[in-house]
C-alpha cells in the first residue's frame, strides 16, 4: 500500500489543503506497516477542514492524558489489521520530548520547501530544509537534561534521520528563518560523525530561542518533574492509554451461541487496546420473553411493598 492510496491524503490533495511530513521521514515505510506514526504539519487555517475530512474517512481522534499539547492531535485508523497513526501539528511545536515547550514560527518556510515524494506518495521536506530543521531540533533537545537522556537512548534512530537528509552540514550556513550559523560547528554533527552537542552550549542555544517559548523559562524544570511524576504514576499504577475526546464509545456485540462473538470481542480488544484505554464486560445471555416479564413484575411488586409498608398493630 502507498500512502497516496489513503482516503484522507487523497481528500487533502483534492481540497488543496497544504500539508508536509516534517520529521522522521526515514521511517515512512514503518508508518505504512503500522509500526510508527507519521508527523504532518497542516497550517492552522486548514484545521477545521482537516478535522471534517478525518471524520469522513473514519480516523479516530484521541488524546494522551499525560501528554496533551495544544495544536497537536493524534488520529488513528484500523486498516487491514494494521493500526495507522497520524500525528498532526497545526503549529510547529517542538522541544523537550516531554514538554514541547517551543512554538517555532517556521510553518510557512516548511510549506514553501516541500516536495512531492513519488515513492511514498506524499509531500515531504526537501533535503536541505529537512537537515536545517533536524539541526535546530537536535540543539534544542541536547540542552535539556530529560530530553538529552531520551535523545541518547534513541541516538541511532536520530543518526539515521540525519543521514537520510543527504546534506553537508556546511551547506546550512545562512539558511533558514532562525539563525543557526554560530551553532553548526558545535552541534556535534559533521560529515564524519554524529554525536550529542555540548550540554552547556546547547543550553545557551535554547536561551537564545527563549522568545519562542510557550511558557515561562523559570517553570520548565518544575514542569519536567511534574511530567515525569505523571508518566511514572500512569505507567505503573493508573495504566491509562489514550482516550477519546469528550466521551467514550460503547461497542455491543450480540448474537446466538457459536456466532463468533468472543472472537470478535477478542480481535477488537487486541486492535483498540494498542492505543486506547479499553474495558471489556460480559453481560451474560439475554433472558427469554416470559422470564423477563416475570422479573419485571417481581421487581414492581417489591417496589410497591417498599413504598407502602404495613402499619404496626399496637
C-alpha atoms as a PDB file:
ATOM      1  CA  UNK A   1       0.000   0.000   0.000  1.00  0.00           C
ATOM      2  CA  UNK A   2       1.211   3.523  -0.865  1.00  0.00           C
ATOM      3  CA  UNK A   3       0.300   6.468   1.311  1.00  0.00           C
ATOM      4  CA  UNK A   4      -1.371   8.212  -1.616  1.00  0.00           C
ATOM      5  CA  UNK A   5      -3.930   5.384  -1.571  1.00  0.00           C
ATOM      6  CA  UNK A   6      -5.224   6.530   1.822  1.00  0.00           C
ATOM      7  CA  UNK A   7      -8.576   8.290   1.501  1.00  0.00           C
ATOM      8  CA  UNK A   8      -7.548  11.074   3.865  1.00  0.00           C
ATOM      9  CA  UNK A   9      -4.498  12.043   1.786  1.00  0.00           C
ATOM     10  CA  UNK A  10      -6.467  11.922  -1.447  1.00  0.00           C
ATOM     11  CA  UNK A  11      -9.031  14.272   0.086  1.00  0.00           C
ATOM     12  CA  UNK A  12      -6.336  16.647   1.350  1.00  0.00           C
ATOM     13  CA  UNK A  13      -4.905  16.915  -2.154  1.00  0.00           C
ATOM     14  CA  UNK A  14      -8.362  17.197  -3.713  1.00  0.00           C
ATOM     15  CA  UNK A  15      -9.339  20.058  -1.378  1.00  0.00           C
ATOM     16  CA  UNK A  16      -5.954  21.766  -1.835  1.00  0.00           C
ATOM     17  CA  UNK A  17      -5.184  21.534   1.870  1.00  0.00           C
ATOM     18  CA  UNK A  18      -1.478  22.165   2.362  1.00  0.00           C
ATOM     19  CA  UNK A  19       0.498  19.680   4.429  1.00  0.00           C
ATOM     20  CA  UNK A  20       4.025  18.315   4.758  1.00  0.00           C
ATOM     21  CA  UNK A  21       5.624  15.402   6.574  1.00  0.00           C
ATOM     22  CA  UNK A  22       8.144  17.444   8.518  1.00  0.00           C
ATOM     23  CA  UNK A  23      10.222  14.958  10.517  1.00  0.00           C
ATOM     24  CA  UNK A  24      11.112  11.267  10.800  1.00  0.00           C
ATOM     25  CA  UNK A  25      10.694  10.819   7.054  1.00  0.00           C
ATOM     26  CA  UNK A  26      13.231   7.991   7.188  1.00  0.00           C
ATOM     27  CA  UNK A  27      10.502   5.918   8.882  1.00  0.00           C
ATOM     28  CA  UNK A  28       7.642   6.409   6.414  1.00  0.00           C
ATOM     29  CA  UNK A  29       7.752   2.732   5.439  1.00  0.00           C
ATOM     30  CA  UNK A  30       7.294   1.820   9.110  1.00  0.00           C
ATOM     31  CA  UNK A  31       4.189   4.007   9.236  1.00  0.00           C
ATOM     32  CA  UNK A  32       2.680   2.053   6.341  1.00  0.00           C
ATOM     33  CA  UNK A  33       3.332  -1.139   8.327  1.00  0.00           C
ATOM     34  CA  UNK A  34       1.657   0.345  11.406  1.00  0.00           C
ATOM     35  CA  UNK A  35       4.919   0.422  13.410  1.00  0.00           C
ATOM     36  CA  UNK A  36       5.247   4.184  13.953  1.00  0.00           C
ATOM     37  CA  UNK A  37       3.411   7.457  13.403  1.00  0.00           C
ATOM     38  CA  UNK A  38       3.519   9.971  10.556  1.00  0.00           C
ATOM     39  CA  UNK A  39       4.202  13.591  11.578  1.00  0.00           C
ATOM     40  CA  UNK A  40       2.212  16.002   9.400  1.00  0.00           C
ATOM     41  CA  UNK A  41       2.258  19.777   9.659  1.00  0.00           C
ATOM     42  CA  UNK A  42      -1.013  21.344   8.495  1.00  0.00           C
ATOM     43  CA  UNK A  43      -1.349  25.161   8.773  1.00  0.00           C
ATOM     44  CA  UNK A  44      -3.939  26.058  11.381  1.00  0.00           C
ATOM     45  CA  UNK A  45      -6.136  27.811   8.790  1.00  0.00           C
ATOM     46  CA  UNK A  46      -6.969  24.315   7.495  1.00  0.00           C
ATOM     47  CA  UNK A  47      -7.664  22.896  10.965  1.00  0.00           C
ATOM     48  CA  UNK A  48     -11.469  22.624  10.769  1.00  0.00           C
ATOM     49  CA  UNK A  49     -11.481  21.301   7.212  1.00  0.00           C
ATOM     50  CA  UNK A  50      -8.889  18.669   8.101  1.00  0.00           C
ATOM     51  CA  UNK A  51     -10.943  17.505  11.093  1.00  0.00           C
ATOM     52  CA  UNK A  52     -14.010  17.204   8.869  1.00  0.00           C
ATOM     53  CA  UNK A  53     -12.090  15.101   6.339  1.00  0.00           C
ATOM     54  CA  UNK A  54     -10.561  12.936   9.070  1.00  0.00           C
ATOM     55  CA  UNK A  55     -14.026  12.162  10.425  1.00  0.00           C
ATOM     56  CA  UNK A  56     -15.403  11.355   6.976  1.00  0.00           C
ATOM     57  CA  UNK A  57     -12.522   8.962   6.296  1.00  0.00           C
ATOM     58  CA  UNK A  58     -13.031   7.134   9.623  1.00  0.00           C
ATOM     59  CA  UNK A  59      -9.966   8.350  11.531  1.00  0.00           C
ATOM     60  CA  UNK A  60     -10.407   8.391  15.324  1.00  0.00           C
ATOM     61  CA  UNK A  61      -9.189  11.483  17.184  1.00  0.00           C
ATOM     62  CA  UNK A  62      -7.786  10.740  20.662  1.00  0.00           C
ATOM     63  CA  UNK A  63      -5.620  12.449  23.257  1.00  0.00           C
ATOM     64  CA  UNK A  64      -2.900  11.395  25.665  1.00  0.00           C
ATOM     65  CA  UNK A  65      -3.976  12.196  29.261  1.00  0.00           C
ATOM     66  CA  UNK A  66      -0.361  12.650  30.424  1.00  0.00           C
ATOM     67  CA  UNK A  67       0.927  14.471  27.340  1.00  0.00           C
ATOM     68  CA  UNK A  68      -1.800  16.597  25.799  1.00  0.00           C
ATOM     69  CA  UNK A  69      -0.393  19.549  23.835  1.00  0.00           C
ATOM     70  CA  UNK A  70      -2.264  22.416  22.252  1.00  0.00           C
ATOM     71  CA  UNK A  71      -2.122  22.395  18.421  1.00  0.00           C
ATOM     72  CA  UNK A  72      -1.067  18.713  18.340  1.00  0.00           C
ATOM     73  CA  UNK A  73      -3.566  15.884  17.783  1.00  0.00           C
ATOM     74  CA  UNK A  74      -3.470  12.113  17.371  1.00  0.00           C
ATOM     75  CA  UNK A  75      -5.561  10.289  14.760  1.00  0.00           C
ATOM     76  CA  UNK A  76      -5.840   6.512  14.363  1.00  0.00           C
ATOM     77  CA  UNK A  77      -7.249   4.233  11.676  1.00  0.00           C
ATOM     78  CA  UNK A  78      -7.660   0.446  11.735  1.00  0.00           C
ATOM     79  CA  UNK A  79      -6.934  -0.761   8.213  1.00  0.00           C
ATOM     80  CA  UNK A  80      -6.307  -4.364   7.163  1.00  0.00           C
ATOM     81  CA  UNK A  81      -5.449  -5.360  10.750  1.00  0.00           C
ATOM     82  CA  UNK A  82      -2.905  -2.520  10.964  1.00  0.00           C
ATOM     83  CA  UNK A  83      -3.126   0.497  13.249  1.00  0.00           C
ATOM     84  CA  UNK A  84      -2.147   3.668  11.378  1.00  0.00           C
ATOM     85  CA  UNK A  85      -1.276   6.718  13.469  1.00  0.00           C
ATOM     86  CA  UNK A  86      -1.204  10.310  12.227  1.00  0.00           C
ATOM     87  CA  UNK A  87       0.486  12.876  14.463  1.00  0.00           C
ATOM     88  CA  UNK A  88      -0.981  16.197  13.327  1.00  0.00           C
ATOM     89  CA  UNK A  89       0.684  19.534  14.094  1.00  0.00           C
ATOM     90  CA  UNK A  90      -1.284  22.707  13.388  1.00  0.00           C
ATOM     91  CA  UNK A  91       1.735  24.707  14.517  1.00  0.00           C
ATOM     92  CA  UNK A  92       5.418  23.773  14.718  1.00  0.00           C
ATOM     93  CA  UNK A  93       5.601  22.697  18.355  1.00  0.00           C
ATOM     94  CA  UNK A  94       8.882  21.080  19.408  1.00  0.00           C
ATOM     95  CA  UNK A  95      11.483  20.956  22.166  1.00  0.00           C
ATOM     96  CA  UNK A  96      11.889  18.660  25.132  1.00  0.00           C
ATOM     97  CA  UNK A  97      10.392  15.235  24.360  1.00  0.00           C
ATOM     98  CA  UNK A  98       8.022  15.619  27.317  1.00  0.00           C
ATOM     99  CA  UNK A  99       7.171  19.308  27.245  1.00  0.00           C
ATOM    100  CA  UNK A 100       7.436  20.515  23.640  1.00  0.00           C
ATOM    101  CA  UNK A 101       7.974  23.982  25.024  1.00  0.00           C
ATOM    102  CA  UNK A 102       8.830  25.850  21.802  1.00  0.00           C
ATOM    103  CA  UNK A 103       6.491  27.177  19.135  1.00  0.00           C
ATOM    104  CA  UNK A 104       8.676  27.984  16.127  1.00  0.00           C
ATOM    105  CA  UNK A 105       7.358  30.471  13.513  1.00  0.00           C
ATOM    106  CA  UNK A 106       8.636  28.464  10.565  1.00  0.00           C
ATOM    107  CA  UNK A 107       5.436  26.893   9.241  1.00  0.00           C
ATOM    108  CA  UNK A 108       5.345  28.899   6.017  1.00  0.00           C
ATOM    109  CA  UNK A 109       9.038  28.176   5.435  1.00  0.00           C
ATOM    110  CA  UNK A 110       8.369  24.429   5.682  1.00  0.00           C
ATOM    111  CA  UNK A 111       5.383  24.537   3.324  1.00  0.00           C
ATOM    112  CA  UNK A 112       7.365  26.576   0.791  1.00  0.00           C
ATOM    113  CA  UNK A 113      10.123  23.965   0.823  1.00  0.00           C
ATOM    114  CA  UNK A 114       8.076  20.807   0.496  1.00  0.00           C
ATOM    115  CA  UNK A 115       8.413  18.412  -2.427  1.00  0.00           C
ATOM    116  CA  UNK A 116       6.257  15.554  -3.645  1.00  0.00           C
ATOM    117  CA  UNK A 117       7.913  12.224  -2.929  1.00  0.00           C
ATOM    118  CA  UNK A 118       6.869   9.764  -5.642  1.00  0.00           C
ATOM    119  CA  UNK A 119       7.978   6.721  -3.665  1.00  0.00           C
ATOM    120  CA  UNK A 120       5.842   7.456  -0.613  1.00  0.00           C
ATOM    121  CA  UNK A 121       3.145   9.399  -2.449  1.00  0.00           C
ATOM    122  CA  UNK A 122       3.121  12.366  -0.045  1.00  0.00           C
ATOM    123  CA  UNK A 123       4.668  15.811   0.386  1.00  0.00           C
ATOM    124  CA  UNK A 124       7.878  15.842   2.450  1.00  0.00           C
ATOM    125  CA  UNK A 125      10.544  18.438   3.169  1.00  0.00           C
ATOM    126  CA  UNK A 126      13.285  18.733   0.580  1.00  0.00           C
ATOM    127  CA  UNK A 127      16.650  17.525   1.906  1.00  0.00           C
ATOM    128  CA  UNK A 128      18.301  20.831   2.824  1.00  0.00           C
ATOM    129  CA  UNK A 129      15.245  22.077   4.716  1.00  0.00           C
ATOM    130  CA  UNK A 130      14.949  18.706   6.450  1.00  0.00           C
ATOM    131  CA  UNK A 131      18.604  18.941   7.502  1.00  0.00           C
ATOM    132  CA  UNK A 132      18.171  22.520   8.769  1.00  0.00           C
ATOM    133  CA  UNK A 133      15.152  21.582  10.857  1.00  0.00           C
ATOM    134  CA  UNK A 134      16.914  18.493  12.179  1.00  0.00           C
ATOM    135  CA  UNK A 135      19.918  20.504  13.443  1.00  0.00           C
ATOM    136  CA  UNK A 136      17.558  23.015  15.056  1.00  0.00           C
ATOM    137  CA  UNK A 137      15.665  20.259  16.904  1.00  0.00           C
ATOM    138  CA  UNK A 138      18.929  18.465  17.723  1.00  0.00           C
ATOM    139  CA  UNK A 139      20.387  21.500  19.500  1.00  0.00           C
ATOM    140  CA  UNK A 140      17.174  22.202  21.413  1.00  0.00           C
ATOM    141  CA  UNK A 141      16.852  18.625  22.662  1.00  0.00           C
ATOM    142  CA  UNK A 142      20.510  18.389  23.709  1.00  0.00           C
ATOM    143  CA  UNK A 143      20.083  21.393  26.027  1.00  0.00           C
ATOM    144  CA  UNK A 144      17.549  19.695  28.307  1.00  0.00           C
ATOM    145  CA  UNK A 145      18.537  17.131  30.942  1.00  0.00           C
ATOM    146  CA  UNK A 146      15.476  14.940  30.451  1.00  0.00           C
ATOM    147  CA  UNK A 147      15.336  15.263  26.682  1.00  0.00           C
ATOM    148  CA  UNK A 148      19.093  14.679  26.377  1.00  0.00           C
ATOM    149  CA  UNK A 149      18.718  11.364  28.202  1.00  0.00           C
ATOM    150  CA  UNK A 150      15.857  10.257  25.929  1.00  0.00           C
ATOM    151  CA  UNK A 151      17.747  11.511  22.867  1.00  0.00           C
ATOM    152  CA  UNK A 152      20.752   9.385  23.790  1.00  0.00           C
ATOM    153  CA  UNK A 153      18.552   6.281  24.112  1.00  0.00           C
ATOM    154  CA  UNK A 154      17.271   6.815  20.536  1.00  0.00           C
ATOM    155  CA  UNK A 155      20.557   8.155  19.185  1.00  0.00           C
ATOM    156  CA  UNK A 156      20.776   5.578  16.397  1.00  0.00           C
ATOM    157  CA  UNK A 157      17.333   6.492  15.055  1.00  0.00           C
ATOM    158  CA  UNK A 158      18.247  10.191  15.093  1.00  0.00           C
ATOM    159  CA  UNK A 159      21.502   9.392  13.313  1.00  0.00           C
ATOM    160  CA  UNK A 160      19.575   7.600  10.571  1.00  0.00           C
ATOM    161  CA  UNK A 161      17.242  10.582  10.271  1.00  0.00           C
ATOM    162  CA  UNK A 162      20.224  12.893   9.810  1.00  0.00           C
ATOM    163  CA  UNK A 163      21.886  10.615   7.229  1.00  0.00           C
ATOM    164  CA  UNK A 164      18.616  10.468   5.268  1.00  0.00           C
ATOM    165  CA  UNK A 165      18.799  14.265   4.791  1.00  0.00           C
ATOM    166  CA  UNK A 166      21.730  13.763   2.358  1.00  0.00           C
ATOM    167  CA  UNK A 167      23.061  17.219   3.183  1.00  0.00           C
ATOM    168  CA  UNK A 168      26.518  18.566   4.049  1.00  0.00           C
ATOM    169  CA  UNK A 169      26.209  20.476   7.310  1.00  0.00           C
ATOM    170  CA  UNK A 170      28.385  23.282   5.890  1.00  0.00           C
ATOM    171  CA  UNK A 171      25.648  23.964   3.322  1.00  0.00           C
ATOM    172  CA  UNK A 172      23.335  25.141   6.097  1.00  0.00           C
ATOM    173  CA  UNK A 173      25.180  28.430   6.581  1.00  0.00           C
ATOM    174  CA  UNK A 174      22.863  31.434   6.145  1.00  0.00           C
ATOM    175  CA  UNK A 175      19.903  29.131   5.603  1.00  0.00           C
ATOM    176  CA  UNK A 176      16.510  29.218   7.282  1.00  0.00           C
ATOM    177  CA  UNK A 177      14.468  31.814   9.174  1.00  0.00           C
ATOM    178  CA  UNK A 178      16.164  31.129  12.553  1.00  0.00           C
ATOM    179  CA  UNK A 179      19.922  31.734  12.668  1.00  0.00           C
ATOM    180  CA  UNK A 180      21.937  28.592  13.447  1.00  0.00           C
ATOM    181  CA  UNK A 181      25.252  29.668  11.862  1.00  0.00           C
ATOM    182  CA  UNK A 182      27.082  30.066  15.182  1.00  0.00           C
ATOM    183  CA  UNK A 183      25.903  26.635  16.333  1.00  0.00           C
ATOM    184  CA  UNK A 184      26.834  24.473  13.356  1.00  0.00           C
ATOM    185  CA  UNK A 185      30.431  23.739  14.398  1.00  0.00           C
ATOM    186  CA  UNK A 186      29.357  22.996  17.978  1.00  0.00           C
ATOM    187  CA  UNK A 187      26.378  20.827  17.114  1.00  0.00           C
ATOM    188  CA  UNK A 188      28.219  17.513  17.491  1.00  0.00           C
ATOM    189  CA  UNK A 189      27.320  16.756  13.875  1.00  0.00           C
ATOM    190  CA  UNK A 190      29.801  16.707  11.000  1.00  0.00           C
ATOM    191  CA  UNK A 191      30.235  14.847   7.748  1.00  0.00           C
ATOM    192  CA  UNK A 192      32.150  12.100   9.569  1.00  0.00           C
ATOM    193  CA  UNK A 193      30.468  11.828  12.990  1.00  0.00           C
ATOM    194  CA  UNK A 194      27.158  12.126  14.781  1.00  0.00           C
ATOM    195  CA  UNK A 195      27.068  12.919  18.481  1.00  0.00           C
ATOM    196  CA  UNK A 196      25.168  14.964  21.034  1.00  0.00           C
ATOM    197  CA  UNK A 197      26.218  18.589  21.239  1.00  0.00           C
ATOM    198  CA  UNK A 198      27.869  20.029  24.343  1.00  0.00           C
ATOM    199  CA  UNK A 199      25.253  20.459  27.083  1.00  0.00           C
ATOM    200  CA  UNK A 200      26.333  23.965  28.148  1.00  0.00           C
ATOM    201  CA  UNK A 201      26.461  25.181  24.555  1.00  0.00           C
ATOM    202  CA  UNK A 202      23.024  23.688  23.823  1.00  0.00           C
ATOM    203  CA  UNK A 203      21.681  25.317  26.962  1.00  0.00           C
ATOM    204  CA  UNK A 204      22.857  28.693  25.633  1.00  0.00           C
ATOM    205  CA  UNK A 205      21.298  27.922  22.268  1.00  0.00           C
ATOM    206  CA  UNK A 206      17.974  27.251  23.952  1.00  0.00           C
ATOM    207  CA  UNK A 207      18.318  30.507  25.869  1.00  0.00           C
ATOM    208  CA  UNK A 208      18.726  32.400  22.596  1.00  0.00           C
ATOM    209  CA  UNK A 209      15.390  30.934  21.464  1.00  0.00           C
ATOM    210  CA  UNK A 210      13.547  31.922  24.656  1.00  0.00           C
ATOM    211  CA  UNK A 211      11.273  34.325  22.746  1.00  0.00           C
ATOM    212  CA  UNK A 212       9.689  31.257  21.139  1.00  0.00           C
ATOM    213  CA  UNK A 213       8.888  29.567  24.468  1.00  0.00           C
ATOM    214  CA  UNK A 214       5.265  28.683  25.085  1.00  0.00           C
ATOM    215  CA  UNK A 215       5.594  29.330  28.819  1.00  0.00           C
ATOM    216  CA  UNK A 216       7.966  30.998  31.262  1.00  0.00           C
ATOM    217  CA  UNK A 217      11.525  29.669  31.223  1.00  0.00           C
ATOM    218  CA  UNK A 218      11.637  29.572  35.034  1.00  0.00           C
ATOM    219  CA  UNK A 219       8.939  26.905  35.156  1.00  0.00           C
ATOM    220  CA  UNK A 220      10.463  24.477  32.659  1.00  0.00           C
ATOM    221  CA  UNK A 221      12.367  22.342  35.174  1.00  0.00           C
ATOM    222  CA  UNK A 222       9.389  22.050  37.544  1.00  0.00           C
ATOM    223  CA  UNK A 223       7.114  21.201  34.618  1.00  0.00           C
ATOM    224  CA  UNK A 224       9.563  18.483  33.567  1.00  0.00           C
ATOM    225  CA  UNK A 225       9.467  17.000  37.081  1.00  0.00           C
ATOM    226  CA  UNK A 226       5.661  17.143  37.064  1.00  0.00           C
ATOM    227  CA  UNK A 227       5.563  15.383  33.677  1.00  0.00           C
ATOM    228  CA  UNK A 228       7.948  12.702  34.947  1.00  0.00           C
ATOM    229  CA  UNK A 229       5.767  12.022  38.003  1.00  0.00           C
ATOM    230  CA  UNK A 230       2.595  11.839  35.905  1.00  0.00           C
ATOM    231  CA  UNK A 231       4.200   9.417  33.476  1.00  0.00           C
ATOM    232  CA  UNK A 232       5.572   7.156  36.212  1.00  0.00           C
ATOM    233  CA  UNK A 233       2.261   7.085  38.101  1.00  0.00           C
ATOM    234  CA  UNK A 234       0.353   6.368  34.898  1.00  0.00           C
ATOM    235  CA  UNK A 235       2.758   3.654  33.719  1.00  0.00           C
ATOM    236  CA  UNK A 236       2.886   1.661  36.933  1.00  0.00           C
ATOM    237  CA  UNK A 237      -0.431   2.430  38.638  1.00  0.00           C
ATOM    238  CA  UNK A 238      -3.181   4.014  36.530  1.00  0.00           C
ATOM    239  CA  UNK A 239      -2.010   2.370  33.275  1.00  0.00           C
ATOM    240  CA  UNK A 240      -4.196   4.617  31.156  1.00  0.00           C
ATOM    241  CA  UNK A 241      -3.632   4.811  27.410  1.00  0.00           C
ATOM    242  CA  UNK A 242      -5.030   7.410  25.023  1.00  0.00           C
ATOM    243  CA  UNK A 243      -8.666   8.476  25.404  1.00  0.00           C
ATOM    244  CA  UNK A 244     -11.451   9.662  23.137  1.00  0.00           C
ATOM    245  CA  UNK A 245     -12.370  13.325  23.364  1.00  0.00           C
ATOM    246  CA  UNK A 246     -15.455  14.331  25.392  1.00  0.00           C
ATOM    247  CA  UNK A 247     -16.836  10.841  25.901  1.00  0.00           C
ATOM    248  CA  UNK A 248     -16.183   7.154  25.477  1.00  0.00           C
ATOM    249  CA  UNK A 249     -17.549   4.703  22.955  1.00  0.00           C
ATOM    250  CA  UNK A 250     -19.663   1.634  23.733  1.00  0.00           C
ATOM    251  CA  UNK A 251     -19.494  -1.277  21.298  1.00  0.00           C
ATOM    252  CA  UNK A 252     -22.063  -4.031  21.874  1.00  0.00           C
ATOM    253  CA  UNK A 253     -21.679  -7.476  20.318  1.00  0.00           C
ATOM    254  CA  UNK A 254     -24.788  -9.672  20.410  1.00  0.00           C
ATOM    255  CA  UNK A 255     -25.638 -12.955  18.735  1.00  0.00           C
ATOM    256  CA  UNK A 256     -26.571 -16.612  19.106  1.00  0.00           C
ATOM    257  CA  UNK A 257     -24.231 -19.242  20.514  1.00  0.00           C
ATOM    258  CA  UNK A 258     -21.372 -20.109  18.176  1.00  0.00           C
ATOM    259  CA  UNK A 259     -21.770 -16.981  16.049  1.00  0.00           C
ATOM    260  CA  UNK A 260     -18.239 -15.727  16.858  1.00  0.00           C
ATOM    261  CA  UNK A 261     -18.993 -13.079  19.479  1.00  0.00           C
ATOM    262  CA  UNK A 262     -15.967 -13.955  21.624  1.00  0.00           C
ATOM    263  CA  UNK A 263     -13.665 -13.932  18.604  1.00  0.00           C
ATOM    264  CA  UNK A 264     -14.898 -10.501  17.507  1.00  0.00           C
ATOM    265  CA  UNK A 265     -14.534  -9.071  21.018  1.00  0.00           C
ATOM    266  CA  UNK A 266     -11.035 -10.522  21.321  1.00  0.00           C
ATOM    267  CA  UNK A 267      -9.942  -9.014  17.986  1.00  0.00           C
ATOM    268  CA  UNK A 268     -11.485  -5.618  18.787  1.00  0.00           C
ATOM    269  CA  UNK A 269      -9.788  -5.608  22.159  1.00  0.00           C
ATOM    270  CA  UNK A 270      -6.466  -6.536  20.560  1.00  0.00           C
ATOM    271  CA  UNK A 271      -6.680  -3.761  17.950  1.00  0.00           C
ATOM    272  CA  UNK A 272      -8.109  -0.941  20.042  1.00  0.00           C
ATOM    273  CA  UNK A 273      -6.055  -1.584  23.184  1.00  0.00           C
ATOM    274  CA  UNK A 274      -2.833  -0.886  21.275  1.00  0.00           C
ATOM    275  CA  UNK A 275      -3.615   2.816  21.584  1.00  0.00           C
ATOM    276  CA  UNK A 276      -6.847   3.228  23.610  1.00  0.00           C
ATOM    277  CA  UNK A 277      -7.930   2.521  27.173  1.00  0.00           C
ATOM    278  CA  UNK A 278     -10.319  -0.407  26.667  1.00  0.00           C
ATOM    279  CA  UNK A 279     -12.529  -2.347  29.087  1.00  0.00           C
ATOM    280  CA  UNK A 280     -14.494  -5.491  28.212  1.00  0.00           C
ATOM    281  CA  UNK A 281     -17.617  -6.711  30.009  1.00  0.00           C
ATOM    282  CA  UNK A 282     -19.687  -9.863  29.571  1.00  0.00           C
ATOM    283  CA  UNK A 283     -23.341  -9.333  30.425  1.00  0.00           C
ATOM    284  CA  UNK A 284     -24.356 -12.949  30.003  1.00  0.00           C
ATOM    285  CA  UNK A 285     -27.142 -14.430  27.937  1.00  0.00           C
ATOM    286  CA  UNK A 286     -30.318 -12.363  27.426  1.00  0.00           C
ATOM    287  CA  UNK A 287     -33.415 -13.621  29.208  1.00  0.00           C
ATOM    288  CA  UNK A 288     -36.371 -15.109  27.362  1.00  0.00           C
ATOM    289  CA  UNK A 289     -39.573 -13.077  26.978  1.00  0.00           C
ATOM    290  CA  UNK A 290     -41.547 -14.947  29.669  1.00  0.00           C
ATOM    291  CA  UNK A 291     -38.724 -14.839  32.233  1.00  0.00           C
ATOM    292  CA  UNK A 292     -38.142 -11.157  31.520  1.00  0.00           C
ATOM    293  CA  UNK A 293     -41.871 -10.444  32.099  1.00  0.00           C
ATOM    294  CA  UNK A 294     -41.809 -12.318  35.448  1.00  0.00           C
ATOM    295  CA  UNK A 295     -38.670 -10.452  36.551  1.00  0.00           C
ATOM    296  CA  UNK A 296     -40.263  -7.080  35.798  1.00  0.00           C
ATOM    297  CA  UNK A 297     -43.457  -7.991  37.673  1.00  0.00           C
ATOM    298  CA  UNK A 298     -41.461  -9.245  40.673  1.00  0.00           C
ATOM    299  CA  UNK A 299     -39.442  -6.038  40.828  1.00  0.00           C
ATOM    300  CA  UNK A 300     -42.630  -3.986  40.532  1.00  0.00           C
ATOM    301  CA  UNK A 301     -44.244  -5.819  43.494  1.00  0.00           C
ATOM    302  CA  UNK A 302     -41.115  -5.359  45.623  1.00  0.00           C
ATOM    303  CA  UNK A 303     -41.088  -1.634  44.914  1.00  0.00           C
ATOM    304  CA  UNK A 304     -44.774  -1.278  45.888  1.00  0.00           C
ATOM    305  CA  UNK A 305     -44.268  -3.171  49.130  1.00  0.00           C
ATOM    306  CA  UNK A 306     -41.305  -0.972  49.963  1.00  0.00           C
ATOM    307  CA  UNK A 307     -43.216   2.247  49.285  1.00  0.00           C
ATOM    308  CA  UNK A 308     -46.316   1.162  51.299  1.00  0.00           C
ATOM    309  CA  UNK A 309     -45.201  -0.680  54.456  1.00  0.00           C
ATOM    310  CA  UNK A 310     -47.755  -2.324  56.649  1.00  0.00           C
ATOM    311  CA  UNK A 311     -48.928  -0.433  59.745  1.00  0.00           C
ATOM    312  CA  UNK A 312     -47.649  -1.854  63.002  1.00  0.00           C
ATOM    313  CA  UNK A 313     -50.516  -3.013  65.315  1.00  0.00           C
ATOM    314  CA  UNK A 314     -50.438  -1.902  68.950  1.00  0.00           C
END
